Amino acid sequence: MRCEVCGREAKLMRVEIEGAELLVCSKCASLGKILRDSQAPKTSNIKYDYKLEEPFVLVENYGELIRKAREKLGLTREQLAKKLFEKESVIQRIEANELEPSNELVLKLEKTLGITLREQ
């Protein structure tokens, strides 16, 4: 598996970095608090299919859609970030339309929040 911080193929361990649980290599583990040593990722009830078949464009008001959907579910930015294994600051910047989410994150957000962020 790949380190979620640097992308290196290595034995991974679960670490909390800035409030987000990540699977990281031993070098990146020093950036946070080690939660448990494990090669096997913690299982989640959310399954993601990271493959996008067709090219897409983000909807213009993606930040507002994400914020409204998060608030409708009663989630704080911190809670959403933990569910997505992201930093809270990333969620904040996305909601402010300052950062376009990666393809992988778009799919995670759509699945978690039950919204559509893509258009052809």
Protein backbone atom coordinates (compact mmCIF):
# COMPACT_ATOMS: atom_id res chain seq x y z
CA MET A 1 0.00 0.00 0.00
CA ARG A 2 1.03 3.63 -0.46
CA CYS A 3 1.67 6.23 2.24
CA GLU A 4 -1.19 8.74 2.26
CA VAL A 5 1.25 11.61 2.89
CA CYS A 6 4.23 11.01 0.61
CA GLY A 7 2.92 8.22 -1.67
CA ARG A 8 5.82 5.87 -0.97
CA GLU A 9 5.23 2.09 -1.16
CA ALA A 10 6.02 0.85 2.35
CA LYS A 11 4.77 -0.91 5.45
CA LEU A 12 2.14 1.45 6.83
CA MET A 13 0.94 2.44 10.26
CA ARG A 14 -2.13 4.35 11.40
CA VAL A 15 -1.24 7.87 12.61
CA GLU A 16 -3.29 10.90 13.63
CA ILE A 17 -1.98 14.04 11.92
CA GLU A 18 -3.81 17.32 12.53
CA GLY A 19 -6.96 15.48 13.56
CA ALA A 20 -7.09 13.11 10.57
CA GLU A 21 -6.32 9.39 10.77
CA LEU A 22 -3.94 8.42 7.98
CA LEU A 23 -2.01 5.34 6.90
CA VAL A 24 1.59 6.48 6.59
CA CYS A 25 5.14 5.14 6.23
CA SER A 26 7.58 5.18 9.13
CA LYS A 27 9.17 8.45 7.94
CA CYS A 28 5.84 10.30 7.83
CA ALA A 29 4.71 8.76 11.14
CA SER A 30 6.92 11.27 12.94
CA LEU A 31 4.50 14.01 11.77
CA GLY A 32 1.77 12.83 14.12
CA LYS A 33 0.69 10.49 16.89
CA ILE A 34 0.90 6.76 16.19
CA LEU A 35 -2.48 5.18 16.91
CA ARG A 36 -1.68 1.55 16.17
CA ASP A 37 0.91 -0.29 14.13
CA SER A 38 -0.83 -2.12 11.31
CA GLN A 39 -0.36 -2.98 7.69
CA ALA A 40 -4.07 -3.67 7.35
CA PRO A 41 -6.16 -0.53 7.03
CA LYS A 42 -9.07 -0.04 9.39
CA THR A 43 -12.19 -1.26 7.67
CA SER A 44 -14.83 1.30 6.90
CA ASN A 45 -18.47 0.91 6.04
CA ILE A 46 -17.94 3.40 3.18
CA LYS A 47 -16.60 1.85 -0.02
CA TYR A 48 -15.18 4.09 -2.73
CA ASP A 49 -14.67 3.41 -6.42
CA TYR A 50 -11.88 5.82 -7.34
CA LYS A 51 -12.05 5.19 -11.08
CA LEU A 52 -13.75 7.85 -13.12
CA GLU A 53 -14.83 6.49 -16.45
CA GLU A 54 -15.45 9.79 -18.21
CA PRO A 55 -13.87 13.24 -17.98
CA PHE A 56 -15.83 15.65 -15.83
CA VAL A 57 -15.97 19.27 -14.71
CA LEU A 58 -16.74 20.36 -11.16
CA VAL A 59 -20.01 22.21 -10.78
CA GLU A 60 -19.44 25.93 -10.38
CA ASN A 61 -20.71 26.22 -6.80
CA TYR A 62 -19.09 23.03 -5.44
CA GLY A 63 -17.99 24.65 -2.17
CA GLU A 64 -21.45 25.85 -1.27
CA LEU A 65 -22.99 22.46 -2.18
CA ILE A 66 -20.49 20.67 0.06
CA ARG A 67 -21.04 23.07 2.98
CA LYS A 68 -24.85 22.82 2.76
CA ALA A 69 -24.78 19.02 2.51
CA ARG A 70 -22.37 18.78 5.47
CA GLU A 71 -24.54 21.07 7.59
CA LYS A 72 -27.70 19.15 6.57
CA LEU A 73 -26.07 15.98 7.92
CA GLY A 74 -25.15 17.83 11.12
CA LEU A 75 -21.40 17.36 10.59
CA THR A 76 -18.69 19.81 11.54
CA ARG A 77 -15.76 20.34 9.18
CA GLU A 78 -13.62 18.38 11.62
CA GLN A 79 -16.02 15.42 11.62
CA LEU A 80 -16.24 15.38 7.82
CA ALA A 81 -12.46 15.60 7.52
CA LYS A 82 -12.03 12.59 9.80
CA LYS A 83 -14.57 10.56 7.80
CA LEU A 84 -12.67 11.34 4.60
CA PHE A 85 -9.17 10.98 6.12
CA GLU A 86 -8.42 14.58 5.16
CA LYS A 87 -7.28 17.68 7.03
CA GLU A 88 -9.93 20.07 8.30
CA SER A 89 -8.11 22.91 6.52
CA VAL A 90 -8.60 21.08 3.19
CA ILE A 91 -12.36 20.91 3.77
CA GLN A 92 -12.40 24.58 4.75
CA ARG A 93 -10.53 25.63 1.59
CA ILE A 94 -12.76 23.47 -0.63
CA GLU A 95 -15.92 24.95 0.91
CA ALA A 96 -14.52 28.44 0.23
CA ASN A 97 -13.85 27.46 -3.44
CA GLU A 98 -10.14 28.14 -2.83
CA LEU A 99 -9.12 24.55 -3.59
CA GLU A 100 -10.48 22.15 -6.19
CA PRO A 101 -10.71 18.62 -4.74
CA SER A 102 -8.84 15.78 -6.42
CA ASN A 103 -10.80 13.20 -8.43
CA GLU A 104 -10.53 10.78 -5.51
CA LEU A 105 -11.79 13.36 -3.02
CA VAL A 106 -14.68 14.36 -5.31
CA LEU A 107 -15.87 10.75 -5.26
CA LYS A 108 -15.46 10.49 -1.48
CA LEU A 109 -17.41 13.73 -0.97
CA GLU A 110 -20.21 12.63 -3.31
CA LYS A 111 -20.55 9.25 -1.62
CA THR A 112 -20.33 10.57 1.95
CA LEU A 113 -22.58 13.60 1.49
CA GLY A 114 -24.99 12.12 -1.08
CA ILE A 115 -24.48 14.94 -3.59
CA THR A 116 -23.28 15.33 -7.20
CA LEU A 117 -20.28 17.56 -7.80
CA ARG A 118 -19.57 16.59 -11.42
CA GLU A 119 -21.05 17.59 -14.74
CA GLN A 120 -20.09 16.48 -18.24
